[in-house]
């Protein structure tokens, strides 16, 4: 019996259905994958940038604090040198006065050249009349300004000692005036560092000393721990600053920024768990699937239903889907009717689905650039507008705005009230600016205002009008708030966007240092 060879053939409709179905499914997968990777890069860069900004801000604050502390010791030694007739009781009074007024140090002491503790404030420390040994004795013998590494003091506390040599009017060495900072007890340093220690996203910062030991940490039981094994710690104590992804000594992956503090040789490290970024990515992917799944399923259903009667328009539709899958923006969609009714319906469905996906992607992009609390554009949108202004060679002024004593609002009225104050601030300022001006929330209690075609003098008038109105109106907490502002203009101040922001930040910092509730313009040479 002759055997008949049978080659299985597939109908064009079957092939078309399979191809369209596969294209739709692959498009979904590619879109999800591309969106996931893009959002991952964006979130990583955003949090590295935010952490870098915060660690730099903290390092500047600590650096400024220690300069002030050093200056207070210098002024004290100068005063004692000029008034050598002062008795021990008078010197004790001076130390008590300095300690109570400045609150820089937990204790202050005069240790004479023999190593005897002549005076100490407060007296409750109980070391007056004792001889110093160990590190304290080494500091005494150096006869130069010193800031020690952390060590256990005679009182049993973990401290850092800042000292200033004392010479009388004849140049004779009379010992040191030493200020002790108790690392595990409250003081001005802890108050500065202890503001918003751990964020809702799990972000936190810590401070390390020159030897790689923890000087400040959200978990106080870790203070004094050696973390030199952390690669960022090694970099920061060598005087480096930067951002990177790192696995810490606890084995947790972090997006971190580190900044060196020149005055002390310490380092500040701000970090956010990568796990938080992964959670955001999961939410983003789920949301994208909800937006994209329905129109694509609808498209798939129509493709299967109408594929038997589609032939000629197939290539056109496949090209559109592939174009969308490649990540390109589909700008021109042909809406010509096909002679085949079924093909005409399918074509229209594809166009609806593509338009829906592109609108959803646009909506997601806009949401990613909007602060959810204040509904103002966020830092990502700020960077985009800033670059656009520069590319258009537009002159403009940049105004940095910071709510004064915002921590006190959160502490006294709660974080919900603080959020209402931020929303109030957003609406208030938005009502006072032009349609062409752009107002952003930069983060925390900081805002940024871009004023196109406005120089710094004109910007100052606008900023002052805002500042005065804010200070005179009651907020949701039932009382007014004040704000500090810093201004720099482009391109008069600089053609570098990084320098422009840094100059405005310096001006803001000056407003803060000079008493807050004021506006400062950055000038060249200031």
Protein backbone atom coordinates (compact mmCIF):
# COMPACT_ATOMS: atom_id res chain seq x y z
CA UNK A 1 0.00 0.00 0.00
CA UNK A 2 1.36 3.36 -1.04
CA UNK A 3 2.08 5.65 1.81
CA UNK A 4 0.79 9.22 1.40
CA UNK A 5 3.10 11.94 2.67
CA UNK A 6 1.18 14.65 4.50
CA UNK A 7 2.58 18.08 5.17
CA UNK A 8 0.52 20.00 7.64
CA UNK A 9 -0.43 23.44 6.43
CA UNK A 10 -1.63 26.39 8.42
CA UNK A 11 -4.28 28.75 7.29
CA UNK A 12 -3.38 32.38 6.81
CA UNK A 13 -6.01 33.33 9.35
CA UNK A 14 -4.41 31.01 11.90
CA UNK A 15 -0.95 32.40 11.22
CA UNK A 16 -2.30 35.95 11.39
CA UNK A 17 -4.11 35.31 14.63
CA UNK A 18 -1.02 33.70 16.15
CA UNK A 19 1.24 36.51 15.01
CA UNK A 20 -1.04 39.30 16.26
CA UNK A 21 -1.59 37.51 19.55
CA UNK A 22 2.15 37.01 20.02
CA UNK A 23 2.84 40.64 19.09
CA UNK A 24 0.34 41.90 21.62
CA UNK A 25 1.69 39.74 24.42
CA UNK A 26 5.32 40.60 23.61
CA UNK A 27 4.40 44.27 23.45
CA UNK A 28 3.00 44.09 26.96
CA UNK A 29 6.11 42.30 28.23
CA UNK A 30 8.50 44.71 26.48
CA UNK A 31 6.60 47.78 27.67
CA UNK A 32 6.56 46.50 31.23
CA UNK A 33 10.25 45.60 31.09
CA UNK A 34 11.31 48.91 29.53
CA UNK A 35 9.17 50.90 31.95
CA UNK A 36 10.52 48.92 34.92
CA UNK A 37 14.16 49.54 33.95
CA UNK A 38 13.53 53.21 33.19
CA UNK A 39 11.74 53.78 36.49
CA UNK A 40 14.43 51.87 38.36
CA UNK A 41 17.17 54.10 36.95
CA UNK A 42 15.11 57.20 37.64
CA UNK A 43 14.32 56.27 41.26
CA UNK A 44 17.91 55.22 41.94
CA UNK A 45 19.30 58.49 40.59
CA UNK A 46 16.65 60.53 42.42
CA UNK A 47 17.34 58.96 45.82
CA UNK A 48 21.11 59.14 45.34
CA UNK A 49 20.70 62.84 44.52
CA UNK A 50 18.39 63.48 47.49
CA UNK A 51 20.69 61.61 49.86
CA UNK A 52 23.67 63.53 48.51
CA UNK A 53 21.88 66.82 49.09
CA UNK A 54 20.86 65.90 52.64
CA UNK A 55 24.27 64.53 53.67
CA UNK A 56 25.92 67.68 52.31
CA UNK A 57 23.47 69.85 54.24
CA UNK A 58 24.11 67.94 57.47
CA UNK A 59 27.88 68.07 57.02
CA UNK A 60 27.70 71.84 56.48
CA UNK A 61 25.64 72.25 59.64
CA UNK A 62 28.02 70.15 61.75
CA UNK A 63 31.05 71.89 60.25
CA UNK A 64 29.55 75.29 61.09
CA UNK A 65 28.65 74.14 64.61
CA UNK A 66 32.17 72.96 65.39
CA UNK A 67 33.66 76.19 64.08
CA UNK A 68 31.38 78.08 66.48
CA UNK A 69 32.35 75.73 69.32
CA UNK A 70 36.02 76.25 68.59
CA UNK A 71 35.50 80.02 68.48
CA UNK A 72 33.79 79.96 71.89
CA UNK A 73 36.80 78.18 73.41
CA UNK A 74 39.21 80.63 71.77
CA UNK A 75 37.26 83.59 73.14
CA UNK A 76 37.26 82.04 76.60
CA UNK A 77 41.04 81.44 76.61
CA UNK A 78 41.64 84.97 75.32
CA UNK A 79 39.49 86.39 78.09
CA UNK A 80 41.28 84.37 80.77
CA UNK A 81 44.69 85.35 79.36
CA UNK A 82 43.79 89.06 79.56
CA UNK A 83 42.39 88.69 83.07
CA UNK A 84 45.05 86.63 84.82
CA UNK A 85 44.00 88.07 88.19
CA UNK A 86 40.75 86.06 88.14
CA UNK A 87 40.33 83.65 91.02
CA UNK A 88 39.32 79.99 90.65
CA UNK A 89 35.81 80.98 91.67
CA UNK A 90 35.69 83.62 88.92
CA UNK A 91 36.93 81.13 86.34
CA UNK A 92 34.37 78.60 87.54
CA UNK A 93 31.69 81.23 87.01
CA UNK A 94 32.97 81.92 83.48
CA UNK A 95 32.86 78.22 82.60
CA UNK A 96 29.35 77.87 84.00
CA UNK A 97 28.25 80.94 82.05
CA UNK A 98 29.71 79.65 78.77
CA UNK A 99 28.21 76.21 79.24
CA UNK A 100 24.72 77.47 80.07
CA UNK A 101 24.58 80.18 77.42
CA UNK A 102 26.00 78.30 74.44
CA UNK A 103 24.90 74.75 75.33
CA UNK A 104 27.70 73.59 73.00
CA UNK A 105 29.32 71.28 75.53
CA UNK A 106 28.03 68.88 78.15
CA UNK A 107 30.92 69.94 80.40
CA UNK A 108 33.75 72.50 80.41
CA UNK A 109 36.95 72.31 82.39
CA UNK A 110 40.20 74.12 83.10
CA UNK A 111 43.06 71.66 83.43
CA UNK A 112 46.27 73.40 84.48
CA UNK A 113 49.72 72.66 83.12
CA UNK A 114 50.36 70.04 85.82
CA UNK A 115 47.30 68.00 84.80
CA UNK A 116 45.18 69.10 87.77
CA UNK A 117 41.49 69.73 87.05
CA UNK A 118 41.23 73.21 88.61
CA UNK A 119 37.63 73.91 87.54
CA UNK A 120 34.87 71.93 85.90
CA UNK A 121 31.31 72.87 84.96
CA UNK A 122 29.02 71.47 86.08
CA UNK A 123 30.55 70.61 89.42
CA UNK A 124 28.26 67.57 89.58
CA UNK A 125 30.70 65.77 87.26
CA UNK A 126 32.75 65.34 90.41
CA UNK A 127 36.28 65.44 88.95
CA UNK A 128 37.48 68.78 90.35
CA UNK A 129 40.88 68.43 92.03
CA UNK A 130 41.77 65.18 90.28
CA UNK A 131 44.76 64.58 88.00
CA UNK A 132 44.12 63.68 84.35
CA UNK A 133 45.70 60.68 82.64
CA UNK A 134 45.59 58.85 79.32
CA UNK A 135 44.22 60.70 76.28
CA UNK A 136 43.35 63.81 78.28
CA UNK A 137 46.93 64.02 79.50
CA UNK A 138 48.19 63.58 75.94
CA UNK A 139 46.01 66.49 74.80
CA UNK A 140 47.36 68.63 77.66
CA UNK A 141 50.95 67.92 76.66
CA UNK A 142 50.36 68.81 72.99
CA UNK A 143 49.74 72.52 73.81
CA UNK A 144 47.77 72.99 70.55
CA UNK A 145 44.05 73.13 69.66
CA UNK A 146 42.79 69.55 69.56
CA UNK A 147 39.68 67.50 68.80
CA UNK A 148 40.08 63.93 70.04
CA UNK A 149 38.72 60.67 68.76
CA UNK A 150 35.96 59.14 70.92
CA UNK A 151 37.28 57.72 74.21
CA UNK A 152 36.07 56.74 77.66
CA UNK A 153 36.57 59.70 80.01
CA UNK A 154 37.39 59.44 83.75
CA UNK A 155 33.66 59.99 84.37
CA UNK A 156 32.97 56.71 82.51
CA UNK A 157 31.26 58.42 79.58
CA UNK A 158 32.01 58.04 75.88
CA UNK A 159 33.14 61.53 74.91
CA UNK A 160 34.89 63.69 72.34
CA UNK A 161 37.12 66.41 73.81
CA UNK A 162 37.70 69.76 72.10
CA UNK A 163 40.53 71.71 73.74
CA UNK A 164 42.20 75.10 73.39
CA UNK A 165 45.60 75.86 75.00
CA UNK A 166 45.64 78.59 77.65
CA UNK A 167 48.58 80.99 77.92
CA UNK A 168 48.80 83.90 80.32
CA UNK A 169 49.64 87.47 79.26
CA UNK A 170 53.36 86.64 79.54
CA UNK A 171 53.11 83.65 77.24
CA UNK A 172 53.37 81.06 80.01
CA UNK A 173 51.45 77.84 79.42
CA UNK A 174 48.60 77.54 81.94
CA UNK A 175 46.96 74.34 80.66
CA UNK A 176 43.85 73.87 78.50
CA UNK A 177 40.21 74.85 78.41
CA UNK A 178 38.42 71.67 77.37
CA UNK A 179 34.86 71.16 76.21
CA UNK A 180 33.45 67.64 76.40
CA UNK A 181 30.68 66.31 74.15
CA UNK A 182 28.91 63.29 75.63
CA UNK A 183 28.12 61.20 72.58
CA UNK A 184 25.36 59.20 74.24
CA UNK A 185 23.67 62.11 76.01
CA UNK A 186 21.72 65.16 74.84
CA UNK A 187 23.56 68.25 73.61
CA UNK A 188 23.42 70.74 70.74
CA UNK A 189 25.15 68.29 68.39
CA UNK A 190 22.58 65.58 69.09
CA UNK A 191 19.74 68.08 68.68
CA UNK A 192 21.00 69.09 65.23
CA UNK A 193 21.60 65.52 64.12
CA UNK A 194 18.47 64.12 65.75
CA UNK A 195 16.02 65.96 63.44
CA UNK A 196 13.91 63.45 61.47
CA UNK A 197 16.38 60.62 62.05
CA UNK A 198 14.54 57.83 60.21
CA UNK A 199 12.20 58.71 57.34
CA UNK A 200 9.06 56.88 56.28
CA UNK A 201 11.05 55.42 53.39
CA UNK A 202 13.58 53.94 55.82
CA UNK A 203 16.23 56.58 55.07
CA UNK A 204 18.57 57.58 57.88
CA UNK A 205 22.01 59.01 58.43
CA UNK A 206 24.90 58.43 60.79
CA UNK A 207 28.19 60.12 61.64
CA UNK A 208 31.60 58.45 61.87
CA UNK A 209 34.85 59.69 63.38
CA UNK A 210 38.36 59.62 61.87
CA UNK A 211 38.96 56.13 63.22
CA UNK A 212 35.81 54.69 61.67
CA UNK A 213 33.77 54.57 64.91
CA UNK A 214 30.12 55.61 65.03
CA UNK A 215 29.69 59.00 66.70
CA UNK A 216 25.98 59.34 65.96
CA UNK A 217 23.42 56.76 64.90
CA UNK A 218 19.61 56.48 65.12
CA UNK A 219 20.16 53.46 67.36
CA UNK A 220 22.18 54.90 70.24
CA UNK A 221 23.37 51.48 71.37
CA UNK A 222 25.53 51.36 68.24
CA UNK A 223 27.42 54.58 69.10
CA UNK A 224 31.10 53.73 69.51
CA UNK A 225 30.85 50.68 67.21
CA UNK A 226 33.66 50.19 64.68
CA UNK A 227 32.30 50.28 61.10
CA UNK A 228 35.59 50.71 59.22
CA UNK A 229 34.70 47.61 57.16
CA UNK A 230 32.10 49.69 55.32
CA UNK A 231 33.78 50.91 52.07
CA UNK A 232 32.03 54.30 52.27
CA UNK A 233 33.33 54.84 55.80
CA UNK A 234 36.88 54.31 54.56
CA UNK A 235 36.31 56.80 51.77
CA UNK A 236 34.72 59.50 53.91
CA UNK A 237 37.41 59.42 56.62
CA UNK A 238 39.96 59.87 53.82
CA UNK A 239 38.27 63.17 52.97
CA UNK A 240 36.17 61.95 50.03
CA UNK A 241 32.51 62.71 49.27
CA UNK A 242 30.18 61.02 46.80
CA UNK A 243 27.24 58.66 46.18
CA UNK A 244 27.06 54.92 45.51
CA UNK A 245 25.12 51.73 46.08
CA UNK A 246 26.65 49.75 48.93
CA UNK A 247 26.00 46.82 51.25
CA UNK A 248 26.46 47.98 54.85
CA UNK A 249 27.98 46.08 57.76
CA UNK A 250 24.52 44.65 58.57
CA UNK A 251 24.32 43.08 55.09
CA UNK A 252 21.61 45.49 53.87
CA UNK A 253 21.82 46.97 50.36
CA UNK A 254 21.64 50.78 50.46
CA UNK A 255 21.59 53.78 48.14
CA UNK A 256 23.99 56.01 50.02
CA UNK A 257 25.72 59.38 49.94
CA UNK A 258 28.72 60.37 52.04
CA UNK A 259 30.19 63.78 52.88
CA UNK A 260 33.41 64.71 54.67
CA UNK A 261 33.31 67.35 57.45
CA UNK A 262 36.54 69.37 57.09
CA UNK A 263 36.51 71.03 60.53
CA UNK A 264 36.39 67.75 62.46
CA UNK A 265 37.58 65.07 60.04
CA UNK A 266 34.25 63.30 60.60
CA UNK A 267 31.95 61.99 57.91
CA UNK A 268 28.15 61.98 57.37
CA UNK A 269 26.53 59.05 55.54
CA UNK A 270 22.88 59.27 54.42
CA UNK A 271 21.28 56.13 53.01
CA UNK A 272 18.00 54.64 51.79
CA UNK A 273 17.28 50.89 51.70
CA UNK A 274 17.16 49.46 48.18
CA UNK A 275 14.21 47.38 49.39
CA UNK A 276 12.13 50.58 49.53
CA UNK A 277 12.97 51.35 45.90
CA UNK A 278 11.98 47.80 44.96
CA UNK A 279 8.61 48.28 46.67
CA UNK A 280 8.02 51.46 44.67
CA UNK A 281 8.92 49.59 41.48
CA UNK A 282 6.43 46.83 42.29
CA UNK A 283 3.66 49.40 42.78
CA UNK A 284 4.64 51.14 39.53
CA UNK A 285 4.57 47.86 37.60
CA UNK A 286 1.17 46.88 39.00
CA UNK A 287 -0.25 50.28 38.14
CA UNK A 288 1.15 50.14 34.63
CA UNK A 289 -0.35 46.68 34.15
CA UNK A 290 -3.76 47.95 35.28
CA UNK A 291 -3.56 50.80 32.79
CA UNK A 292 -2.27 48.71 29.90
CA UNK A 293 -3.88 45.31 30.40
CA UNK A 294 -7.49 46.19 29.58
CA UNK A 295 -6.90 47.91 26.22
CA UNK A 296 -4.41 45.23 25.18
CA UNK A 297 -6.79 42.41 26.12
CA UNK A 298 -9.46 44.19 24.15
CA UNK A 299 -7.07 44.42 21.21
CA UNK A 300 -6.19 40.74 21.53
CA UNK A 301 -9.86 39.74 21.57
CA UNK A 302 -10.59 41.74 18.45
CA UNK A 303 -7.50 40.35 16.74
CA UNK A 304 -8.66 36.76 17.29
CA UNK A 305 -12.26 37.59 16.30
CA UNK A 306 -11.46 39.51 13.13
CA UNK A 307 -8.22 37.87 11.92
CA UNK A 308 -10.06 35.55 9.43
CA UNK A 309 -11.07 38.52 7.32
CA UNK A 310 -7.84 40.53 7.67
CA UNK A 311 -5.06 40.29 5.11
CA UNK A 312 -4.08 43.49 3.45
CA UNK A 313 -4.00 45.80 6.54
CA UNK A 314 -2.03 43.23 8.53
CA UNK A 315 1.40 44.65 7.77
CA UNK A 316 0.30 48.16 8.68
CA UNK A 317 -1.07 47.03 12.03
CA UNK A 318 2.00 44.91 12.80
CA UNK A 319 4.25 47.87 12.07
CA UNK A 320 2.30 50.03 14.52
CA UNK A 321 2.51 47.45 17.27
CA UNK A 322 6.22 46.89 16.72
CA UNK A 323 6.81 50.62 16.70
CA UNK A 324 5.05 50.91 20.05
CA UNK A 325 6.91 47.88 21.41
CA UNK A 326 10.26 49.46 20.53
CA UNK A 327 9.46 52.34 22.85
CA UNK A 328 8.98 54.98 20.13
CA UNK A 329 6.27 57.63 20.37
CA UNK A 330 3.58 57.01 17.74
CA UNK A 331 2.87 60.52 16.52
CA UNK A 332 0.99 59.93 13.26
CA UNK A 333 -1.87 57.44 13.12
CA UNK A 334 -3.57 56.88 9.79
CA UNK A 335 -7.32 56.76 10.22
CA UNK A 336 -8.25 55.92 6.64
CA UNK A 337 -11.15 53.49 6.35
CA UNK A 338 -10.41 50.06 4.90
CA UNK A 339 -12.64 48.52 2.23
CA UNK A 340 -12.93 45.48 4.52
CA UNK A 341 -15.30 46.25 7.36
CA UNK A 342 -13.61 43.81 9.77
CA UNK A 343 -10.15 45.17 8.95
CA UNK A 344 -11.46 48.69 9.45
CA UNK A 345 -12.77 47.84 12.92
CA UNK A 346 -9.50 46.16 13.93
CA UNK A 347 -7.45 49.10 12.76
CA UNK A 348 -9.56 51.49 14.82
CA UNK A 349 -9.19 49.23 17.87
CA UNK A 350 -5.41 49.18 17.52
CA UNK A 351 -5.32 52.96 17.29
CA UNK A 352 -7.50 53.30 20.41
CA UNK A 353 -5.27 50.92 22.35
CA UNK A 354 -2.05 52.68 21.29
CA UNK A 355 -3.50 56.08 22.16
CA UNK A 356 -4.64 54.73 25.54
CA UNK A 357 -1.23 53.29 26.35
CA UNK A 358 0.54 56.51 25.35
CA UNK A 359 -1.88 58.59 27.42
CA UNK A 360 -1.38 56.28 30.40
CA UNK A 361 2.41 56.52 30.02
CA UNK A 362 2.11 60.30 29.84
CA UNK A 363 -0.08 60.28 32.94
CA UNK A 364 2.42 58.11 34.83
CA UNK A 365 5.24 60.43 33.79
CA UNK A 366 3.30 63.46 35.06
CA UNK A 367 2.54 61.71 38.35
CA UNK A 368 6.21 60.84 38.76
CA UNK A 369 7.01 64.55 38.45
CA UNK A 370 4.37 65.74 40.94
CA UNK A 371 4.69 65.91 44.72
CA UNK A 372 1.71 63.92 46.05
CA UNK A 373 1.28 66.05 49.20
CA UNK A 374 1.32 69.59 47.80
CA UNK A 375 0.49 68.71 44.16
CA UNK A 376 3.40 70.94 43.16
CA UNK A 377 6.00 69.84 40.58
CA UNK A 378 8.76 67.90 42.33
CA UNK A 379 12.57 67.88 42.07
CA UNK A 380 12.54 65.81 38.85
CA UNK A 381 10.30 68.37 37.14
CA UNK A 382 12.49 71.14 38.58
CA UNK A 383 15.58 69.67 36.90
CA UNK A 384 13.70 69.34 33.61
CA UNK A 385 12.44 72.96 33.64
CA UNK A 386 15.88 74.22 34.70
CA UNK A 387 17.53 72.47 31.74
CA UNK A 388 14.84 73.76 29.37
CA UNK A 389 15.35 77.37 30.55
CA UNK A 390 19.09 76.98 29.98
CA UNK A 391 18.65 75.46 26.50
CA UNK A 392 16.28 78.30 25.56
CA UNK A 393 18.92 80.78 26.84
CA UNK A 394 16.28 82.29 29.08
CA UNK A 395 17.31 84.58 31.91
CA UNK A 396 15.65 83.83 35.23
CA UNK A 397 15.99 84.00 38.98
CA UNK A 398 16.06 80.98 41.29
CA UNK A 399 14.57 81.49 44.76
CA UNK A 400 15.11 78.86 47.48
CA UNK A 401 12.49 78.96 50.24
CA UNK A 402 12.75 77.17 53.59
CA UNK A 403 10.11 77.19 56.34
CA UNK A 404 11.70 78.39 59.59
CA UNK A 405 11.57 76.08 62.60
CA UNK A 406 9.44 73.54 60.76
CA UNK A 407 10.61 70.80 63.12
CA UNK A 408 8.90 72.71 65.94
CA UNK A 409 5.62 72.57 63.98
CA UNK A 410 5.89 68.78 63.66
CA UNK A 411 6.98 68.39 67.30
CA UNK A 412 4.26 70.67 68.75
CA UNK A 413 1.32 69.95 66.45
CA UNK A 414 2.13 66.59 64.85
CA UNK A 415 3.20 65.55 61.36
CA UNK A 416 -0.35 65.77 59.98
CA UNK A 417 -0.51 69.42 60.97
CA UNK A 418 2.95 69.84 59.43
CA UNK A 419 1.61 68.38 56.16
CA UNK A 420 -1.30 70.87 56.24
CA UNK A 421 1.19 73.71 56.70
CA UNK A 422 3.15 72.48 53.65
CA UNK A 423 -0.05 72.34 51.57
CA UNK A 424 -1.01 75.80 52.83
CA UNK A 425 2.43 77.09 51.88
CA UNK A 426 2.08 75.65 48.37
CA UNK A 427 -1.31 77.31 47.80
CA UNK A 428 -0.25 80.61 49.36
CA UNK A 429 2.86 81.07 47.21
CA UNK A 430 1.10 79.80 44.07
CA UNK A 431 -1.54 82.50 44.52
CA UNK A 432 1.11 85.24 44.68
CA UNK A 433 3.12 84.45 41.53
CA UNK A 434 2.63 84.92 37.80
CA UNK A 435 1.31 82.28 35.43
CA UNK A 436 4.76 82.10 33.84
CA UNK A 437 6.50 81.45 37.19
CA UNK A 438 7.04 77.85 38.30
CA UNK A 439 6.85 76.76 41.95
CA UNK A 440 8.31 73.41 43.08
CA UNK A 441 8.53 71.39 46.27
CA UNK A 442 12.21 70.46 46.57
CA UNK A 443 11.83 68.18 49.59
CA UNK A 444 10.94 68.39 53.30
CA UNK A 445 10.17 72.01 54.13
CA UNK A 446 12.17 73.36 51.16
CA UNK A 447 10.62 74.89 48.04
CA UNK A 448 12.05 76.38 44.84
CA UNK A 449 10.62 79.23 42.77
CA UNK A 450 11.77 79.90 39.18
CA UNK A 451 11.02 83.42 37.92
CA UNK A 452 11.66 83.71 34.13
CA UNK A 453 12.81 87.06 32.74
CA UNK A 454 13.34 88.40 36.28
CA UNK A 455 16.68 89.61 37.66
CA UNK A 456 17.74 89.25 41.29
CA UNK A 457 16.58 92.76 42.31
CA UNK A 458 13.10 92.18 40.88
CA UNK A 459 13.08 88.70 42.38
CA UNK A 460 13.93 90.22 45.76
CA UNK A 461 10.78 92.39 45.65
CA UNK A 462 8.64 89.37 44.77
CA UNK A 463 10.31 87.24 47.46
CA UNK A 464 9.82 89.93 50.10
CA UNK A 465 6.14 90.28 49.19
CA UNK A 466 5.75 86.52 49.62
CA UNK A 467 7.73 86.48 52.88
CA UNK A 468 5.74 89.32 54.42
CA UNK A 469 2.35 87.90 53.45
CA UNK A 470 3.28 84.45 54.76
CA UNK A 471 4.40 85.93 58.08
CA UNK A 472 1.13 87.87 58.54
CA UNK A 473 -1.40 85.14 57.81
CA UNK A 474 -2.47 82.36 60.11
CA UNK A 475 -1.69 78.83 58.95
CA UNK A 476 -3.74 75.66 59.61
CA UNK A 477 -2.04 75.45 63.05
CA UNK A 478 -3.70 78.74 64.03
CA UNK A 479 -0.62 80.93 63.92
CA UNK A 480 1.68 82.40 61.27
CA UNK A 481 4.94 80.87 60.14
CA UNK A 482 8.03 82.56 58.78
CA UNK A 483 10.24 81.66 55.87
CA UNK A 484 13.84 82.30 54.84
CA UNK A 485 14.75 82.86 51.20
CA UNK A 486 17.90 82.84 49.07
CA UNK A 487 18.16 84.25 45.53
CA UNK A 488 20.57 83.77 42.62
CA UNK A 489 19.95 84.80 39.01
CA UNK A 490 20.93 83.26 35.69
CA UNK A 491 23.10 84.04 33.79
CA UNK A 492 24.25 87.10 35.77
CA UNK A 493 25.45 85.07 38.78
CA UNK A 494 26.72 82.06 36.81
CA UNK A 495 26.07 79.97 33.71
CA UNK A 496 26.43 76.74 35.69
CA UNK A 497 23.11 75.34 36.93
CA UNK A 498 24.88 73.49 39.76
CA UNK A 499 26.62 76.68 40.89
CA UNK A 500 23.37 78.66 40.52
CA UNK A 501 21.61 76.33 42.96
CA UNK A 502 24.63 76.33 45.27
CA UNK A 503 24.74 80.14 45.30
CA UNK A 504 21.02 80.37 46.10
CA UNK A 505 21.55 77.80 48.86
CA UNK A 506 24.40 79.91 50.28
CA UNK A 507 22.13 82.95 50.26
CA UNK A 508 19.42 80.93 52.05
CA UNK A 509 21.98 79.71 54.57
CA UNK A 510 22.96 83.33 55.20
CA UNK A 511 19.30 84.24 55.79
CA UNK A 512 19.12 81.41 58.34
CA UNK A 513 22.33 82.45 60.08
CA UNK A 514 21.25 86.10 60.32
CA UNK A 515 18.09 85.32 62.21
CA UNK A 516 15.68 83.74 59.69
CA UNK A 517 12.51 85.42 58.28
CA UNK A 518 14.55 87.33 55.71
CA UNK A 519 15.59 87.31 52.05
CA UNK A 520 19.20 87.30 50.84
CA UNK A 521 20.54 87.80 47.30
CA UNK A 522 23.77 86.06 46.36
CA UNK A 523 26.29 88.45 44.85
CA UNK A 524 29.59 87.62 43.16
CA UNK A 525 32.25 87.59 45.84
CA UNK A 526 29.78 87.08 48.67
